[in-house]
Amino acid sequence: MPSRWIVTALGQDRPGIVAGVTQVLYKLGCNLEDSAMTRLGGEFAIMLVFSSPAKVTLPQIEKAFQVASRRLKLTVHLKALSAKEAMAPRVRPGVSYQISVYGTDKPGIVYRVAEALARLKVNITDVHTHRSSTGKPYLYLTLLEVVIPPKLTAETLEQQLKRVGQRLGVEVHLRPVETEVL
């Protein structure tokens, strides 16, 4: 029976990082199941879940990642997932939406939006933020994917988000996610 793992890798952004990390999995016969990989500032960050064949051992995986880590100058962390952690999460009932927040950069934008969502029991499933690197003042963009609980209407959520946006001086928009592929 395959085992499941999560690995994180972080290093200075440059070509070849994704190829180097996924090569480790390929050579061990592992299967990449779920991932998020992105450039953050001048760094490149990878988080991925993979499964390994039963014959592949922890020392083999650790050694393969140590070699890649040195070659690519990455900080790598590997964690074996317990049977409970390895189970796919239960899909909570609700409807998926995308929230965009746009305006002048200032401390607390992500916190205030996330705090409002938490109070409403809205589950955040993905977050991306970006601050412009030119111009003063800097502009800030946050994109969130969320699942709203069945008892919460989109209208109520939008009203709450607009209030938060007004307090922060940013624009907030809510739209349904049209289709879910995965």
N, C-alpha and C. Protein backbone atom coordinates (compact mmCIF):
# COMPACT_ATOMS: atom_id res chain seq x y z
N MET A 1 0.85 -1.18 0.00
CA MET A 1 0.00 0.00 0.00
C MET A 1 0.89 1.24 0.00
N PRO A 2 0.60 2.20 -0.86
CA PRO A 2 1.43 3.40 -0.90
C PRO A 2 1.31 4.22 0.38
N SER A 3 2.34 4.97 0.67
CA SER A 3 2.33 5.90 1.79
C SER A 3 2.16 7.30 1.22
N ARG A 4 1.64 8.20 2.04
CA ARG A 4 1.46 9.58 1.59
C ARG A 4 2.33 10.50 2.42
N TRP A 5 2.81 11.53 1.76
CA TRP A 5 3.77 12.46 2.34
C TRP A 5 3.41 13.88 1.94
N ILE A 6 3.92 14.83 2.73
CA ILE A 6 3.87 16.23 2.32
C ILE A 6 5.30 16.75 2.40
N VAL A 7 5.69 17.51 1.39
CA VAL A 7 7.03 18.09 1.36
C VAL A 7 6.90 19.57 1.06
N THR A 8 7.73 20.36 1.74
CA THR A 8 7.85 21.78 1.43
C THR A 8 9.28 22.03 1.02
N ALA A 9 9.46 22.93 0.07
CA ALA A 9 10.80 23.30 -0.38
C ALA A 9 10.79 24.80 -0.65
N LEU A 10 11.87 25.46 -0.26
CA LEU A 10 11.97 26.89 -0.41
C LEU A 10 13.38 27.27 -0.78
N GLY A 11 13.53 28.13 -1.78
CA GLY A 11 14.84 28.60 -2.18
C GLY A 11 14.75 29.78 -3.11
N GLN A 12 15.89 30.39 -3.37
CA GLN A 12 15.92 31.54 -4.26
C GLN A 12 15.36 31.16 -5.62
N ASP A 13 14.45 31.98 -6.14
CA ASP A 13 13.79 31.69 -7.41
C ASP A 13 14.80 31.65 -8.55
N ARG A 14 14.69 30.58 -9.34
CA ARG A 14 15.51 30.41 -10.55
C ARG A 14 14.95 29.22 -11.33
N PRO A 15 15.30 29.12 -12.59
CA PRO A 15 14.83 27.98 -13.39
C PRO A 15 15.34 26.65 -12.82
N GLY A 16 14.51 25.62 -12.90
CA GLY A 16 14.93 24.27 -12.55
C GLY A 16 14.46 23.76 -11.20
N ILE A 17 13.88 24.60 -10.38
CA ILE A 17 13.46 24.14 -9.05
C ILE A 17 12.33 23.12 -9.16
N VAL A 18 11.30 23.43 -9.93
CA VAL A 18 10.17 22.49 -10.06
C VAL A 18 10.66 21.18 -10.68
N ALA A 19 11.49 21.28 -11.71
CA ALA A 19 12.02 20.07 -12.34
C ALA A 19 12.83 19.25 -11.35
N GLY A 20 13.67 19.90 -10.55
CA GLY A 20 14.51 19.18 -9.60
C GLY A 20 13.73 18.47 -8.51
N VAL A 21 12.72 19.15 -7.97
CA VAL A 21 11.92 18.55 -6.90
C VAL A 21 11.05 17.42 -7.45
N THR A 22 10.41 17.64 -8.58
CA THR A 22 9.55 16.58 -9.14
C THR A 22 10.36 15.42 -9.70
N GLN A 23 11.61 15.67 -10.07
CA GLN A 23 12.49 14.58 -10.53
C GLN A 23 12.72 13.59 -9.39
N VAL A 24 12.86 14.09 -8.18
CA VAL A 24 13.03 13.22 -7.02
C VAL A 24 11.86 12.25 -6.94
N LEU A 25 10.66 12.77 -7.07
CA LEU A 25 9.46 11.92 -6.98
C LEU A 25 9.42 10.91 -8.12
N TYR A 26 9.71 11.38 -9.32
CA TYR A 26 9.67 10.52 -10.50
C TYR A 26 10.65 9.35 -10.37
N LYS A 27 11.88 9.65 -9.96
CA LYS A 27 12.90 8.60 -9.86
C LYS A 27 12.58 7.57 -8.78
N LEU A 28 11.81 7.97 -7.76
CA LEU A 28 11.42 7.03 -6.72
C LEU A 28 10.12 6.30 -7.05
N GLY A 29 9.50 6.65 -8.16
CA GLY A 29 8.23 6.02 -8.54
C GLY A 29 7.05 6.58 -7.78
N CYS A 30 7.20 7.79 -7.25
CA CYS A 30 6.13 8.43 -6.48
C CYS A 30 5.16 9.15 -7.40
N ASN A 31 3.98 9.43 -6.86
CA ASN A 31 2.95 10.12 -7.62
C ASN A 31 2.60 11.44 -6.95
N LEU A 32 2.75 12.53 -7.69
CA LEU A 32 2.38 13.86 -7.20
C LEU A 32 0.87 13.96 -7.22
N GLU A 33 0.27 14.26 -6.06
CA GLU A 33 -1.19 14.28 -5.95
C GLU A 33 -1.77 15.68 -5.87
N ASP A 34 -1.16 16.54 -5.10
CA ASP A 34 -1.71 17.87 -4.86
C ASP A 34 -0.54 18.81 -4.62
N SER A 35 -0.60 20.02 -5.17
CA SER A 35 0.54 20.92 -4.98
C SER A 35 0.15 22.38 -5.09
N ALA A 36 0.98 23.20 -4.50
CA ALA A 36 0.94 24.65 -4.68
C ALA A 36 2.40 25.07 -4.81
N MET A 37 2.72 25.76 -5.89
CA MET A 37 4.09 26.19 -6.15
C MET A 37 4.02 27.62 -6.67
N THR A 38 4.81 28.51 -6.07
CA THR A 38 4.73 29.90 -6.49
C THR A 38 5.96 30.69 -6.09
N ARG A 39 6.19 31.77 -6.78
CA ARG A 39 7.25 32.70 -6.42
C ARG A 39 6.68 33.68 -5.40
N LEU A 40 7.41 33.88 -4.33
CA LEU A 40 7.04 34.85 -3.29
C LEU A 40 8.23 35.76 -3.11
N GLY A 41 8.10 37.01 -3.55
CA GLY A 41 9.26 37.90 -3.53
C GLY A 41 10.31 37.29 -4.44
N GLY A 42 11.53 37.16 -3.95
CA GLY A 42 12.60 36.55 -4.72
C GLY A 42 12.78 35.08 -4.44
N GLU A 43 11.89 34.48 -3.67
CA GLU A 43 11.96 33.07 -3.31
C GLU A 43 10.93 32.27 -4.09
N PHE A 44 11.18 30.98 -4.22
CA PHE A 44 10.21 30.07 -4.83
C PHE A 44 9.82 29.06 -3.77
N ALA A 45 8.51 28.90 -3.56
CA ALA A 45 8.01 28.00 -2.53
C ALA A 45 7.19 26.87 -3.15
N ILE A 46 7.41 25.67 -2.63
CA ILE A 46 6.70 24.48 -3.08
C ILE A 46 6.09 23.79 -1.88
N MET A 47 4.83 23.41 -1.99
CA MET A 47 4.17 22.53 -1.04
C MET A 47 3.50 21.46 -1.88
N LEU A 48 3.78 20.20 -1.59
CA LEU A 48 3.11 19.18 -2.36
C LEU A 48 2.89 17.91 -1.55
N VAL A 49 1.79 17.24 -1.91
CA VAL A 49 1.44 15.95 -1.33
C VAL A 49 1.70 14.90 -2.40
N PHE A 50 2.35 13.83 -1.99
CA PHE A 50 2.63 12.75 -2.94
C PHE A 50 2.48 11.41 -2.26
N SER A 51 2.29 10.38 -3.08
CA SER A 51 2.22 9.02 -2.56
C SER A 51 3.43 8.26 -3.08
N SER A 52 3.89 7.31 -2.27
CA SER A 52 5.05 6.51 -2.67
C SER A 52 4.67 5.04 -2.67
N PRO A 53 5.32 4.26 -3.52
CA PRO A 53 5.08 2.82 -3.50
C PRO A 53 5.51 2.24 -2.14
N ALA A 54 4.92 1.14 -1.75
CA ALA A 54 5.21 0.52 -0.45
C ALA A 54 6.69 0.18 -0.29
N LYS A 55 7.37 -0.13 -1.38
CA LYS A 55 8.78 -0.53 -1.31
C LYS A 55 9.72 0.64 -1.03
N VAL A 56 9.24 1.87 -1.20
CA VAL A 56 10.08 3.06 -0.98
C VAL A 56 10.05 3.40 0.50
N THR A 57 11.25 3.55 1.09
CA THR A 57 11.36 3.79 2.52
C THR A 57 11.62 5.26 2.83
N LEU A 58 11.37 5.63 4.07
CA LEU A 58 11.65 6.98 4.52
C LEU A 58 13.11 7.36 4.29
N PRO A 59 14.09 6.52 4.65
CA PRO A 59 15.48 6.89 4.38
C PRO A 59 15.78 7.14 2.90
N GLN A 60 15.15 6.38 2.01
CA GLN A 60 15.35 6.60 0.57
C GLN A 60 14.83 7.97 0.15
N ILE A 61 13.64 8.31 0.64
CA ILE A 61 13.05 9.60 0.29
C ILE A 61 13.88 10.74 0.87
N GLU A 62 14.27 10.61 2.14
CA GLU A 62 15.08 11.65 2.78
C GLU A 62 16.40 11.86 2.03
N LYS A 63 17.06 10.77 1.66
CA LYS A 63 18.34 10.88 0.96
C LYS A 63 18.17 11.56 -0.39
N ALA A 64 17.13 11.19 -1.12
CA ALA A 64 16.89 11.78 -2.43
C ALA A 64 16.63 13.29 -2.31
N PHE A 65 15.87 13.68 -1.30
CA PHE A 65 15.61 15.11 -1.11
C PHE A 65 16.84 15.85 -0.58
N GLN A 66 17.69 15.19 0.20
CA GLN A 66 18.93 15.83 0.67
C GLN A 66 19.83 16.16 -0.52
N VAL A 67 19.96 15.24 -1.45
CA VAL A 67 20.78 15.46 -2.64
C VAL A 67 20.22 16.64 -3.45
N ALA A 68 18.92 16.63 -3.69
CA ALA A 68 18.28 17.72 -4.45
C ALA A 68 18.38 19.03 -3.70
N SER A 69 18.24 18.98 -2.40
CA SER A 69 18.32 20.18 -1.57
C SER A 69 19.69 20.85 -1.69
N ARG A 70 20.75 20.07 -1.62
CA ARG A 70 22.10 20.62 -1.76
C ARG A 70 22.32 21.17 -3.17
N ARG A 71 21.91 20.40 -4.17
CA ARG A 71 22.13 20.80 -5.56
C ARG A 71 21.37 22.07 -5.92
N LEU A 72 20.14 22.18 -5.43
CA LEU A 72 19.30 23.32 -5.78
C LEU A 72 19.32 24.44 -4.74
N LYS A 73 20.07 24.21 -3.64
CA LYS A 73 20.14 25.19 -2.54
C LYS A 73 18.74 25.50 -1.99
N LEU A 74 18.05 24.44 -1.60
CA LEU A 74 16.70 24.55 -1.07
C LEU A 74 16.65 24.14 0.39
N THR A 75 15.74 24.71 1.12
CA THR A 75 15.40 24.22 2.45
C THR A 75 14.20 23.31 2.25
N VAL A 76 14.33 22.05 2.65
CA VAL A 76 13.29 21.05 2.40
C VAL A 76 12.83 20.46 3.72
N HIS A 77 11.53 20.29 3.86
CA HIS A 77 10.95 19.62 5.03
C HIS A 77 10.01 18.54 4.53
N LEU A 78 10.19 17.32 5.04
CA LEU A 78 9.38 16.17 4.66
C LEU A 78 8.61 15.67 5.86
N LYS A 79 7.34 15.37 5.65
CA LYS A 79 6.50 14.85 6.73
C LYS A 79 5.68 13.68 6.21
N ALA A 80 5.74 12.55 6.90
CA ALA A 80 4.87 11.42 6.58
C ALA A 80 3.48 11.74 7.10
N LEU A 81 2.47 11.42 6.32
CA LEU A 81 1.10 11.67 6.73
C LEU A 81 0.52 10.41 7.38
N SER A 82 -0.10 10.57 8.51
CA SER A 82 -0.77 9.45 9.17
C SER A 82 -1.95 9.02 8.31
N ALA A 83 -2.50 7.86 8.62
CA ALA A 83 -3.65 7.37 7.85
C ALA A 83 -4.79 8.38 7.89
N LYS A 84 -5.00 8.99 9.04
CA LYS A 84 -6.07 9.98 9.18
C LYS A 84 -5.75 11.23 8.35
N GLU A 85 -4.50 11.71 8.43
CA GLU A 85 -4.10 12.89 7.67
C GLU A 85 -4.12 12.63 6.17
N ALA A 86 -3.87 11.40 5.78
CA ALA A 86 -3.78 11.05 4.36
C ALA A 86 -5.15 10.95 3.69
N MET A 87 -6.20 10.81 4.50
CA MET A 87 -7.54 10.71 3.93
C MET A 87 -7.92 12.03 3.28
N ALA A 88 -8.59 11.95 2.16
CA ALA A 88 -9.07 13.16 1.50
C ALA A 88 -10.07 13.84 2.44
N PRO A 89 -10.02 15.16 2.50
CA PRO A 89 -10.94 15.85 3.41
C PRO A 89 -12.38 15.67 2.95
N ARG A 90 -13.25 15.62 3.94
CA ARG A 90 -14.67 15.58 3.61
C ARG A 90 -15.04 16.90 2.95
N VAL A 91 -15.81 16.81 1.92
CA VAL A 91 -16.26 18.04 1.27
C VAL A 91 -17.39 18.60 2.09
N ARG A 92 -17.18 19.80 2.58
CA ARG A 92 -18.23 20.44 3.36
C ARG A 92 -19.28 21.01 2.43
N PRO A 93 -20.52 20.93 2.84
CA PRO A 93 -21.56 21.48 1.98
C PRO A 93 -21.39 23.00 1.88
N GLY A 94 -21.73 23.52 0.75
CA GLY A 94 -21.64 24.96 0.56
C GLY A 94 -21.37 25.27 -0.90
N VAL A 95 -21.28 26.55 -1.18
CA VAL A 95 -21.08 27.02 -2.54
C VAL A 95 -19.75 27.76 -2.60
N SER A 96 -18.99 27.53 -3.67
CA SER A 96 -17.68 28.16 -3.82
C SER A 96 -17.80 29.54 -4.45
N TYR A 97 -17.02 30.47 -3.90
CA TYR A 97 -16.96 31.84 -4.40
C TYR A 97 -15.52 32.29 -4.47
N GLN A 98 -15.30 33.32 -5.29
CA GLN A 98 -14.01 33.97 -5.33
C GLN A 98 -14.20 35.40 -4.83
N ILE A 99 -13.29 35.83 -3.98
CA ILE A 99 -13.32 37.19 -3.44
C ILE A 99 -12.06 37.88 -3.91
N SER A 100 -12.21 39.08 -4.46
CA SER A 100 -11.04 39.88 -4.81
C SER A 100 -11.08 41.15 -3.97
N VAL A 101 -9.90 41.51 -3.47
CA VAL A 101 -9.74 42.71 -2.66
C VAL A 101 -8.62 43.51 -3.30
N TYR A 102 -8.90 44.80 -3.60
CA TYR A 102 -7.93 45.60 -4.34
C TYR A 102 -7.90 47.02 -3.78
N GLY A 103 -6.70 47.52 -3.54
CA GLY A 103 -6.58 48.90 -3.07
C GLY A 103 -5.17 49.22 -2.66
N THR A 104 -5.02 50.36 -2.01
CA THR A 104 -3.73 50.81 -1.52
C THR A 104 -3.25 49.88 -0.41
N ASP A 105 -1.99 49.49 -0.48
CA ASP A 105 -1.42 48.58 0.51
C ASP A 105 -1.41 49.23 1.89
N LYS A 106 -1.81 48.44 2.88
CA LYS A 106 -1.75 48.86 4.28
C LYS A 106 -1.81 47.61 5.14
N PRO A 107 -1.26 47.65 6.34
CA PRO A 107 -1.31 46.49 7.22
C PRO A 107 -2.76 46.10 7.55
N GLY A 108 -3.01 44.81 7.62
CA GLY A 108 -4.28 44.31 8.12
C GLY A 108 -5.32 43.93 7.08
N ILE A 109 -5.04 44.11 5.80
CA ILE A 109 -6.05 43.80 4.79
C ILE A 109 -6.44 42.32 4.85
N VAL A 110 -5.47 41.44 4.77
CA VAL A 110 -5.77 40.00 4.78
C VAL A 110 -6.40 39.60 6.11
N TYR A 111 -5.85 40.11 7.20
CA TYR A 111 -6.39 39.78 8.52
C TYR A 111 -7.85 40.18 8.65
N ARG A 112 -8.18 41.41 8.30
CA ARG A 112 -9.56 41.90 8.48
C ARG A 112 -10.55 41.13 7.61
N VAL A 113 -10.16 40.82 6.39
CA VAL A 113 -11.05 40.04 5.52
C VAL A 113 -11.20 38.62 6.07
N ALA A 114 -10.08 38.00 6.44
CA ALA A 114 -10.11 36.63 6.99
C ALA A 114 -10.90 36.58 8.29
N GLU A 115 -10.75 37.60 9.12
CA GLU A 115 -11.50 37.67 10.39
C GLU A 115 -13.00 37.72 10.12
N ALA A 116 -13.43 38.53 9.16
CA ALA A 116 -14.85 38.63 8.82
C ALA A 116 -15.37 37.29 8.30
N LEU A 117 -14.57 36.64 7.47
CA LEU A 117 -14.97 35.33 6.95
C LEU A 117 -15.08 34.29 8.05
N ALA A 118 -14.14 34.30 8.97
CA ALA A 118 -14.16 33.34 10.08
C ALA A 118 -15.41 33.53 10.94
N ARG A 119 -15.76 34.77 11.22
CA ARG A 119 -16.98 35.05 12.01
C ARG A 119 -18.22 34.49 11.33
N LEU A 120 -18.22 34.48 9.99
CA LEU A 120 -19.37 33.97 9.24
C LEU A 120 -19.28 32.48 8.94
N LYS A 121 -18.23 31.83 9.47
CA LYS A 121 -18.02 30.38 9.27
C LYS A 121 -17.75 30.04 7.80
N VAL A 122 -17.13 30.98 7.08
CA VAL A 122 -16.77 30.77 5.69
C VAL A 122 -15.40 30.11 5.67
N ASN A 123 -15.26 29.02 4.93
CA ASN A 123 -14.01 28.29 4.84
C ASN A 123 -13.16 28.84 3.69
N ILE A 124 -11.95 29.32 4.01
CA ILE A 124 -11.03 29.79 3.00
C ILE A 124 -10.26 28.57 2.47
N THR A 125 -10.31 28.35 1.16
CA THR A 125 -9.62 27.19 0.58
C THR A 125 -8.37 27.57 -0.19
N ASP A 126 -8.22 28.85 -0.54
CA ASP A 126 -7.03 29.28 -1.27
C ASP A 126 -6.88 30.79 -1.13
N VAL A 127 -5.65 31.25 -1.00
CA VAL A 127 -5.37 32.68 -0.89
C VAL A 127 -4.14 33.02 -1.71
N HIS A 128 -4.22 34.08 -2.48
CA HIS A 128 -3.06 34.63 -3.18
C HIS A 128 -3.05 36.13 -2.94
N THR A 129 -1.89 36.67 -2.64
CA THR A 129 -1.76 38.10 -2.47
C THR A 129 -0.60 38.60 -3.32
N HIS A 130 -0.69 39.86 -3.69
CA HIS A 130 0.40 40.47 -4.45
C HIS A 130 0.41 41.97 -4.18
N ARG A 131 1.62 42.49 -3.93
CA ARG A 131 1.80 43.93 -3.77
C ARG A 131 2.62 44.42 -4.94
N SER A 132 2.21 45.54 -5.52
CA SER A 132 2.97 46.09 -6.64
C SER A 132 4.37 46.45 -6.17
N SER A 133 5.32 46.37 -7.08
CA SER A 133 6.70 46.67 -6.71
C SER A 133 7.12 48.07 -7.15
N THR A 134 6.22 48.75 -7.84
CA THR A 134 6.53 50.11 -8.29
C THR A 134 5.41 51.04 -7.90
N GLY A 135 5.73 52.30 -7.91
CA GLY A 135 4.73 53.31 -7.60
C GLY A 135 4.51 53.46 -6.11
N LYS A 136 4.24 54.65 -5.71
CA LYS A 136 3.88 54.92 -4.32
C LYS A 136 2.57 55.67 -4.36
N PRO A 137 1.56 55.31 -3.66
CA PRO A 137 1.56 54.17 -2.76
C PRO A 137 1.49 52.86 -3.53
N TYR A 138 1.92 51.79 -2.86
CA TYR A 138 1.85 50.47 -3.46
C TYR A 138 0.39 50.03 -3.54
N LEU A 139 0.08 49.24 -4.55
CA LEU A 139 -1.25 48.64 -4.66
C LEU A 139 -1.19 47.21 -4.17
N TYR A 140 -2.30 46.73 -3.61
CA TYR A 140 -2.34 45.40 -3.01
C TYR A 140 -3.55 44.66 -3.56
N LEU A 141 -3.33 43.42 -3.96
CA LEU A 141 -4.40 42.57 -4.48
C LEU A 141 -4.43 41.28 -3.68
N THR A 142 -5.60 40.90 -3.24
CA THR A 142 -5.81 39.62 -2.56
C THR A 142 -6.91 38.87 -3.30
N LEU A 143 -6.66 37.62 -3.62
CA LEU A 143 -7.67 36.75 -4.21
C LEU A 143 -7.88 35.58 -3.27
N LEU A 144 -9.11 35.34 -2.90
CA LEU A 144 -9.44 34.23 -2.01
C LEU A 144 -10.49 33.35 -2.67
N GLU A 145 -10.34 32.06 -2.51
CA GLU A 145 -11.41 31.13 -2.86
C GLU A 145 -11.99 30.65 -1.55
N VAL A 146 -13.30 30.66 -1.48
CA VAL A 146 -13.97 30.31 -0.24
C VAL A 146 -15.16 29.41 -0.51
N VAL A 147 -15.60 28.72 0.54
CA VAL A 147 -16.84 27.96 0.49
C VAL A 147 -17.74 28.53 1.57
N ILE A 148 -18.91 29.03 1.15
CA ILE A 148 -19.81 29.60 2.15
C ILE A 148 -20.78 28.51 2.63
N PRO A 149 -21.08 28.52 3.92
CA PRO A 149 -21.97 27.49 4.46
C PRO A 149 -23.40 27.66 3.91
N PRO A 150 -24.17 26.58 3.89
CA PRO A 150 -25.51 26.61 3.30
C PRO A 150 -26.44 27.68 3.88
N LYS A 151 -26.28 28.01 5.16
CA LYS A 151 -27.21 28.98 5.78
C LYS A 151 -26.83 30.43 5.52
N LEU A 152 -25.69 30.67 4.90
CA LEU A 152 -25.25 32.03 4.61
C LEU A 152 -25.54 32.35 3.15
N THR A 153 -26.19 33.47 2.91
CA THR A 153 -26.46 33.86 1.53
C THR A 153 -25.29 34.67 0.98
N ALA A 154 -25.16 34.64 -0.32
CA ALA A 154 -24.13 35.44 -0.98
C ALA A 154 -24.35 36.92 -0.72
N GLU A 155 -25.60 37.33 -0.65
CA GLU A 155 -25.92 38.74 -0.42
C GLU A 155 -25.43 39.19 0.96
N THR A 156 -25.66 38.37 1.97
CA THR A 156 -25.20 38.70 3.32
C THR A 156 -23.68 38.76 3.37
N LEU A 157 -23.04 37.78 2.75
CA LEU A 157 -21.58 37.76 2.71
C LEU A 157 -21.06 39.01 2.01
N GLU A 158 -21.65 39.35 0.89
CA GLU A 158 -21.19 40.51 0.13
C GLU A 158 -21.36 41.80 0.95
N GLN A 159 -22.46 41.93 1.66
CA GLN A 159 -22.68 43.12 2.51
C GLN A 159 -21.60 43.23 3.57
N GLN A 160 -21.29 42.10 4.21
CA GLN A 160 -20.26 42.11 5.26
C GLN A 160 -18.89 42.47 4.68
N LEU A 161 -18.57 41.90 3.52
CA LEU A 161 -17.29 42.19 2.89
C LEU A 161 -17.19 43.64 2.43
N LYS A 162 -18.28 44.20 1.94
CA LYS A 162 -18.29 45.61 1.52
C LYS A 162 -18.03 46.52 2.73
N ARG A 163 -18.59 46.17 3.89
CA ARG A 163 -18.33 46.95 5.11
C ARG A 163 -16.86 46.92 5.48
N VAL A 164 -16.27 45.73 5.41
CA VAL A 164 -14.84 45.60 5.70
C VAL A 164 -14.03 46.43 4.70
N GLY A 165 -14.41 46.34 3.43
CA GLY A 165 -13.73 47.10 2.38
C GLY A 165 -13.81 48.60 2.62
N GLN A 166 -14.97 49.07 3.03
CA GLN A 166 -15.13 50.51 3.31
C GLN A 166 -14.22 50.95 4.46
N ARG A 167 -14.17 50.15 5.52
CA ARG A 167 -13.31 50.48 6.66
C ARG A 167 -11.84 50.52 6.26
N LEU A 168 -11.44 49.63 5.34
CA LEU A 168 -10.05 49.55 4.90
C LEU A 168 -9.74 50.48 3.73
N GLY A 169 -10.76 51.00 3.08
CA GLY A 169 -10.54 51.83 1.90
C GLY A 169 -10.10 51.04 0.69
N VAL A 170 -10.64 49.82 0.55
CA VAL A 170 -10.31 48.95 -0.59
C VAL A 170 -11.60 48.48 -1.26
N GLU A 171 -11.47 48.04 -2.49
CA GLU A 171 -12.61 47.47 -3.21
C GLU A 171 -12.67 45.97 -2.94
N VAL A 172 -13.88 45.47 -2.73
CA VAL A 172 -14.07 44.04 -2.50
C VAL A 172 -15.17 43.56 -3.44
N HIS A 173 -14.89 42.46 -4.14
CA HIS A 173 -15.86 41.89 -5.06
C HIS A 173 -16.02 40.40 -4.79
N LEU A 174 -17.24 39.93 -4.92
CA LEU A 174 -17.58 38.52 -4.70
C LEU A 174 -18.22 37.99 -5.96
N ARG A 175 -17.76 36.82 -6.39
CA ARG A 175 -18.41 36.19 -7.56
C ARG A 175 -18.38 34.68 -7.36
N PRO A 176 -19.40 34.00 -7.86
CA PRO A 176 -19.42 32.54 -7.74
C PRO A 176 -18.35 31.91 -8.61
N VAL A 177 -17.82 30.80 -8.16
CA VAL A 177 -16.89 30.01 -8.97
C VAL A 177 -17.78 29.20 -9.89
N GLU A 178 -17.61 29.37 -11.19
CA GLU A 178 -18.51 28.78 -12.18
C GLU A 178 -18.51 27.26 -12.18
N THR A 179 -17.33 26.66 -12.27
CA THR A 179 -17.26 25.20 -12.31
C THR A 179 -16.13 24.73 -11.42
N GLU A 180 -16.31 23.55 -10.90
CA GLU A 180 -15.28 22.93 -10.10
C GLU A 180 -14.76 21.72 -10.84
N VAL A 181 -13.54 21.78 -11.30
CA VAL A 181 -12.96 20.69 -12.07
C VAL A 181 -12.51 19.58 -11.13
N LEU A 182 -11.88 19.96 -10.04
CA LEU A 182 -11.33 18.96 -9.11
C LEU A 182 -12.11 18.93 -7.84
